[in-house]
Amino acid sequence: MKVPGNLGGKRAEHVPDEDRLIYEAILEAKRSGQSVVLATVIRDRGSVPRHAGAKMLIYPDGRSVGTIGGGEMESRVVAEALEALASERPTILHYDLSDPSRGDPGVCGGQMDIFLEPILPHPTVLVIGCGHVGQAVADLAHWLGFRVIVSDDREELCNPEVVPGADEYLVVPPEQLADKVTIHSQTYIAVVTRGVALDVVLLPSLLDSPAPYIGVIGSRRRWATTLEQLREQGLSEEVLQRVHAPIGLELNAETPREIAVSIMAEIIAVRRGGTGESMKWLGTTEQAKGTA
């Protein structure tokens, strides 16, 4: 099995077969937009089943590639990995392998520290609608380092000449979009279409996805009209609360590029846990010492 390029600074033929499979699985997960967790033994002392450097990749359904020792300890690592995946936060686990009667997961006699690293899909902005605002959002999202997917049912707008720099172009009717794109936990959706009729067709399938952000452009009146029609389709208030509409932070933006800044600022705030409030400070140096 050939692996292109260098892996971890080593020539591919020098990478152990188990590690090679893990690295390939990580790349495939990245390509497919799947989240996984890499478990790595980072410290060992005494008698242990695997030593520092041993790796195992864990999938959301509990499947794994590689092993860090098997047995009860590995089962516990898989369970902890699923929790790390849910929180999207890395963590370090410590295990004593001496006395099962006190809860230890083994009897080898040694100790192991294991680093759990959630590996998430690359942050992606899905821009639906390639008009003036959509073009500006795609351009700014690309500049900010996001992977960018653009979609429109008009081929004359959804192409590299009109929207340069996007990673993927989907010319599809709105009712088919959800079947043509992978939406994962790192997909931020900007619905900047040309009217209510498109939004009503788009939103039900988008709201059934794990996207952490779905924003819809338009005035409050337009969004009220869309809400009414979505409620008639049976969408619950809890589901509808997921939508950021009107889209973006209040900047009094007017031009497409200004509106794009408003939209991307809200996406960044959602992604990073920001509030969108002004950071203006009029305190003293002494007061600032204990603040972030």
Protein backbone atom coordinates (compact mmCIF):
# COMPACT_ATOMS: atom_id res chain seq x y z
CA MET A 1 0.00 0.00 0.00
CA LYS A 2 1.56 3.26 -1.11
CA VAL A 3 1.29 6.50 0.83
CA PRO A 4 2.06 9.72 -1.06
CA GLY A 5 4.59 12.18 0.30
CA ASN A 6 6.18 12.25 3.72
CA LEU A 7 4.39 11.25 6.90
CA GLY A 8 5.59 12.97 10.05
CA GLY A 9 8.89 13.83 8.38
CA LYS A 10 9.63 10.15 7.59
CA ARG A 11 9.78 8.49 4.23
CA ALA A 12 6.65 6.41 3.72
CA GLU A 13 8.50 3.11 3.50
CA HIS A 14 9.95 3.66 7.02
CA VAL A 15 6.58 4.16 8.69
CA PRO A 16 5.39 1.05 10.59
CA ASP A 17 2.43 -0.64 8.90
CA GLU A 18 0.10 0.06 11.85
CA ASP A 19 0.99 3.76 11.90
CA ARG A 20 0.62 3.94 8.13
CA LEU A 21 -2.91 2.60 8.35
CA ILE A 22 -3.74 5.13 11.04
CA TYR A 23 -2.31 8.05 9.07
CA GLU A 24 -4.20 6.96 5.96
CA ALA A 25 -7.40 6.64 7.99
CA ILE A 26 -6.92 10.18 9.36
CA LEU A 27 -6.47 11.57 5.84
CA GLU A 28 -9.56 9.74 4.63
CA ALA A 29 -11.57 11.05 7.59
CA LYS A 30 -10.44 14.58 6.71
CA ARG A 31 -11.41 14.08 3.08
CA SER A 32 -14.85 12.71 3.95
CA GLY A 33 -15.61 15.28 6.66
CA GLN A 34 -15.70 12.72 9.47
CA SER A 35 -14.60 13.39 13.05
CA VAL A 36 -12.25 10.90 14.74
CA VAL A 37 -10.07 10.73 17.85
CA LEU A 38 -6.38 9.84 17.87
CA ALA A 39 -5.26 8.12 21.08
CA THR A 40 -1.49 8.16 21.64
CA VAL A 41 0.49 6.67 24.51
CA ILE A 42 2.63 9.62 25.61
CA ARG A 43 4.22 8.12 28.75
CA ASP A 44 4.74 4.66 30.18
CA ARG A 45 6.38 3.28 33.31
CA GLY A 46 6.97 -0.29 34.33
CA SER A 47 5.27 -3.25 32.72
CA VAL A 48 2.67 -2.09 30.15
CA PRO A 49 1.09 -3.64 27.04
CA ARG A 50 2.21 -0.82 24.70
CA HIS A 51 4.83 1.88 25.06
CA ALA A 52 5.05 5.61 24.30
CA GLY A 53 4.24 6.31 20.67
CA ALA A 54 1.63 3.57 20.26
CA LYS A 55 -1.49 4.90 18.57
CA MET A 56 -5.11 4.02 17.97
CA LEU A 57 -7.74 5.87 15.93
CA ILE A 58 -11.32 5.81 17.22
CA TYR A 59 -14.44 6.51 15.14
CA PRO A 60 -17.76 7.91 16.43
CA ASP A 61 -19.36 4.47 16.27
CA GLY A 62 -16.61 2.93 18.44
CA ARG A 63 -14.66 1.28 15.64
CA SER A 64 -10.92 1.62 15.82
CA VAL A 65 -7.72 1.30 13.81
CA GLY A 66 -4.59 0.17 15.66
CA THR A 67 -4.28 -0.71 19.33
CA ILE A 68 -2.81 0.75 22.50
CA GLY A 69 -2.93 -2.50 24.43
CA GLY A 70 -6.36 -4.06 24.23
CA GLY A 71 -8.39 -5.35 27.15
CA GLU A 72 -10.30 -3.32 29.71
CA MET A 73 -7.99 -0.32 29.44
CA GLU A 74 -8.55 0.02 25.71
CA SER A 75 -12.33 -0.25 26.22
CA ARG A 76 -12.16 2.61 28.69
CA VAL A 77 -10.08 4.67 26.28
CA VAL A 78 -12.68 4.19 23.56
CA ALA A 79 -15.43 5.38 25.91
CA GLU A 80 -13.37 8.41 26.93
CA ALA A 81 -12.56 9.11 23.28
CA LEU A 82 -16.26 9.33 22.43
CA GLU A 83 -16.70 11.88 25.22
CA ALA A 84 -13.72 13.86 23.90
CA LEU A 85 -15.28 13.77 20.46
CA ALA A 86 -18.57 15.11 21.81
CA SER A 87 -16.81 17.96 23.61
CA GLU A 88 -14.26 18.43 20.80
CA ARG A 89 -11.60 18.94 23.47
CA PRO A 90 -8.31 17.04 23.88
CA THR A 91 -7.61 15.32 27.16
CA ILE A 92 -4.94 13.22 28.89
CA LEU A 93 -5.84 9.97 30.62
CA HIS A 94 -3.79 8.27 33.33
CA TYR A 95 -4.07 4.56 34.09
CA ASP A 96 -2.52 2.40 36.80
CA LEU A 97 -2.40 -1.24 35.74
CA SER A 98 -1.96 -2.97 39.10
CA ASP A 99 -5.08 -3.82 41.08
CA PRO A 100 -8.47 -4.44 39.40
CA SER A 101 -10.06 -4.69 42.84
CA ARG A 102 -9.56 -0.94 43.25
CA GLY A 103 -10.76 -0.18 39.74
CA ASP A 104 -7.54 -0.46 37.75
CA PRO A 105 -8.05 -1.69 34.16
CA GLY A 106 -5.24 -4.26 34.28
CA VAL A 107 -2.68 -6.23 36.28
CA CYS A 108 0.53 -5.57 34.31
CA GLY A 109 1.90 -3.45 37.14
CA GLY A 110 2.87 -0.35 35.15
CA GLN A 111 1.37 3.05 34.38
CA MET A 112 0.30 4.71 31.13
CA ASP A 113 -0.64 8.24 30.10
CA ILE A 114 -2.71 8.52 26.94
CA PHE A 115 -3.40 11.69 24.97
CA LEU A 116 -6.79 11.89 23.25
CA GLU A 117 -6.82 14.30 20.31
CA PRO A 118 -10.12 14.94 18.51
CA ILE A 119 -9.41 15.37 14.81
CA LEU A 120 -12.22 17.38 13.27
CA PRO A 121 -13.06 18.19 9.65
CA HIS A 122 -11.59 21.40 8.32
CA PRO A 123 -13.86 24.37 9.17
CA THR A 124 -16.04 24.97 6.14
CA VAL A 125 -18.34 27.77 5.05
CA LEU A 126 -21.18 26.66 2.81
CA VAL A 127 -22.45 29.68 0.88
CA ILE A 128 -25.87 29.12 -0.68
CA GLY A 129 -26.55 31.80 -3.24
CA CYS A 130 -23.87 33.27 -5.51
CA GLY A 131 -25.19 36.78 -5.90
CA HIS A 132 -23.26 39.86 -4.80
CA VAL A 133 -23.34 39.01 -1.08
CA GLY A 134 -22.59 35.33 -1.66
CA GLN A 135 -19.56 36.23 -3.74
CA ALA A 136 -18.28 38.56 -1.01
CA VAL A 137 -18.87 35.99 1.75
CA ALA A 138 -17.04 33.29 -0.22
CA ASP A 139 -14.10 35.62 -0.84
CA LEU A 140 -13.82 36.66 2.80
CA ALA A 141 -14.27 33.11 4.13
CA HIS A 142 -11.49 31.92 1.81
CA TRP A 143 -9.22 34.74 3.02
CA LEU A 144 -9.97 33.75 6.63
CA GLY A 145 -8.76 30.20 5.96
CA PHE A 146 -12.07 28.34 5.78
CA ARG A 147 -12.77 25.68 3.22
CA VAL A 148 -15.43 27.23 0.98
CA ILE A 149 -18.29 25.51 -0.82
CA VAL A 150 -20.62 27.60 -2.96
CA SER A 151 -23.97 26.53 -4.35
CA ASP A 152 -26.59 28.04 -6.62
CA ASP A 153 -29.09 26.75 -9.14
CA ARG A 154 -27.73 29.26 -11.68
CA GLU A 155 -24.66 27.89 -13.48
CA GLU A 156 -23.76 31.34 -14.81
CA LEU A 157 -23.09 32.49 -11.22
CA CYS A 158 -21.77 29.34 -9.55
CA ASN A 159 -18.39 28.98 -11.23
CA PRO A 160 -14.72 29.91 -10.67
CA GLU A 161 -14.93 32.94 -12.96
CA VAL A 162 -17.62 34.60 -10.85
CA VAL A 163 -16.61 33.17 -7.46
CA PRO A 164 -12.85 32.54 -7.58
CA GLY A 165 -11.14 30.73 -4.75
CA ALA A 166 -13.92 28.37 -3.68
CA ASP A 167 -12.99 24.75 -3.06
CA GLU A 168 -16.19 23.27 -4.46
CA TYR A 169 -19.00 24.46 -6.75
CA LEU A 170 -22.43 22.84 -6.58
CA VAL A 171 -24.88 23.82 -9.31
CA VAL A 172 -28.02 22.13 -8.02
CA PRO A 173 -31.66 23.00 -7.29
CA PRO A 174 -32.17 23.88 -3.61
CA GLU A 175 -34.20 20.75 -2.92
CA GLN A 176 -31.24 18.57 -3.97
CA LEU A 177 -28.44 20.38 -2.13
CA ALA A 178 -28.54 18.37 1.10
CA ASP A 179 -27.99 15.17 -0.91
CA LYS A 180 -24.98 16.61 -2.74
CA VAL A 181 -22.91 18.04 0.12
CA THR A 182 -21.46 16.65 3.35
CA ILE A 183 -22.50 18.83 6.28
CA HIS A 184 -20.56 18.13 9.46
CA SER A 185 -19.97 19.68 12.88
CA GLN A 186 -17.56 22.22 11.38
CA THR A 187 -19.83 23.40 8.53
CA TYR A 188 -21.10 26.97 8.86
CA ILE A 189 -23.96 27.72 6.49
CA ALA A 190 -24.72 31.15 5.04
CA VAL A 191 -28.03 31.13 3.19
CA VAL A 192 -27.87 34.26 1.03
CA THR A 193 -30.48 33.39 -1.56
CA ARG A 194 -32.75 35.61 -3.61
CA GLY A 195 -36.06 34.91 -1.91
CA VAL A 196 -38.38 33.19 0.54
CA ALA A 197 -39.40 30.44 -1.87
CA LEU A 198 -35.85 29.09 -2.01
CA ASP A 199 -35.33 29.38 1.75
CA VAL A 200 -38.49 27.41 2.52
CA VAL A 201 -37.28 24.57 0.30
CA LEU A 202 -33.71 24.66 1.64
CA LEU A 203 -34.08 25.01 5.37
CA PRO A 204 -35.85 21.79 6.47
CA SER A 205 -33.00 19.57 5.26
CA LEU A 206 -30.33 21.98 6.54
CA LEU A 207 -31.96 22.04 9.98
CA ASP A 208 -31.72 18.25 10.04
CA SER A 209 -27.92 18.50 9.77
CA PRO A 210 -25.24 18.85 12.50
CA ALA A 211 -24.18 22.31 11.26
CA PRO A 212 -23.38 24.57 14.27
CA TYR A 213 -24.48 27.69 12.39
CA ILE A 214 -27.23 28.36 9.87
CA GLY A 215 -27.77 32.00 8.94
CA VAL A 216 -30.41 33.34 6.57
CA ILE A 217 -30.20 36.73 4.85
CA GLY A 218 -33.09 39.14 4.58
CA SER A 219 -35.20 41.61 6.51
CA ARG A 220 -37.20 40.72 9.60
CA ARG A 221 -40.35 40.79 7.47
CA ARG A 222 -38.85 38.32 5.01
CA TRP A 223 -37.80 36.04 7.85
CA ALA A 224 -41.26 36.30 9.46
CA THR A 225 -42.80 35.16 6.17
CA THR A 226 -40.33 32.27 5.95
CA LEU A 227 -41.04 31.28 9.55
CA GLU A 228 -44.75 31.16 8.91
CA GLN A 229 -44.33 28.81 5.98
CA LEU A 230 -41.86 26.58 7.83
CA ARG A 231 -44.25 26.29 10.76
CA GLU A 232 -46.94 25.22 8.32
CA GLN A 233 -44.59 22.42 7.25
CA GLY A 234 -44.47 21.24 10.86
CA LEU A 235 -41.02 22.45 11.94
CA SER A 236 -40.89 22.94 15.70
CA GLU A 237 -39.99 26.16 17.47
CA GLU A 238 -36.96 24.43 18.99
CA VAL A 239 -35.63 23.58 15.54
CA LEU A 240 -36.35 27.04 14.15
CA GLN A 241 -34.43 28.62 17.04
CA ARG A 242 -31.26 27.26 15.44
CA VAL A 243 -31.47 29.78 12.61
CA HIS A 244 -29.63 33.10 12.81
CA ALA A 245 -31.95 35.44 10.95
CA PRO A 246 -31.55 38.11 9.88
CA ILE A 247 -28.00 36.88 9.37
CA GLY A 248 -24.89 38.52 10.80
CA LEU A 249 -23.97 40.99 13.53
CA GLU A 250 -25.55 44.44 13.59
CA LEU A 251 -22.98 46.69 11.90
CA ASN A 252 -25.36 48.84 9.87
CA ALA A 253 -23.64 47.22 6.90
CA GLU A 254 -24.78 48.24 3.42
CA THR A 255 -22.38 47.04 0.73
CA PRO A 256 -21.95 43.33 -0.09
CA ARG A 257 -18.46 43.35 1.41
CA GLU A 258 -19.66 45.05 4.59
CA ILE A 259 -22.48 42.51 4.87
CA ALA A 260 -19.93 39.73 4.36
CA VAL A 261 -17.91 41.09 7.30
CA SER A 262 -21.07 41.07 9.41
CA ILE A 263 -21.82 37.46 8.45
CA MET A 264 -18.29 36.14 8.94
CA ALA A 265 -17.98 38.00 12.26
CA GLU A 266 -21.04 36.14 13.52
CA ILE A 267 -19.69 32.82 12.25
CA ILE A 268 -16.37 33.42 14.02
CA ALA A 269 -18.21 34.39 17.21
CA VAL A 270 -20.20 31.15 17.11
CA ARG A 271 -17.12 29.08 16.33
CA ARG A 272 -14.93 30.66 19.02
CA GLY A 273 -17.60 31.27 21.65
CA GLY A 274 -17.47 35.05 21.35
CA THR A 275 -20.23 37.47 22.29
CA GLY A 276 -19.91 40.03 19.54
CA GLU A 277 -19.77 42.80 22.11
CA SER A 278 -17.34 45.71 21.87
CA MET A 279 -14.02 45.16 23.64
CA LYS A 280 -13.60 48.87 24.36
CA TRP A 281 -11.71 49.39 27.66
CA LEU A 282 -11.51 52.54 29.77
CA GLY A 283 -10.07 51.05 32.94
CA THR A 284 -6.63 51.41 34.50
CA THR A 285 -3.54 49.26 34.12
CA GLU A 286 -4.05 47.92 37.64
CA GLN A 287 -7.62 46.93 36.87
CA ALA A 288 -6.52 45.22 33.67
CA LYS A 289 -4.01 42.94 35.39
CA GLY A 290 -6.63 40.45 36.47
CA THR A 291 -8.59 40.45 33.22
CA ALA A 292 -8.13 38.61 29.95
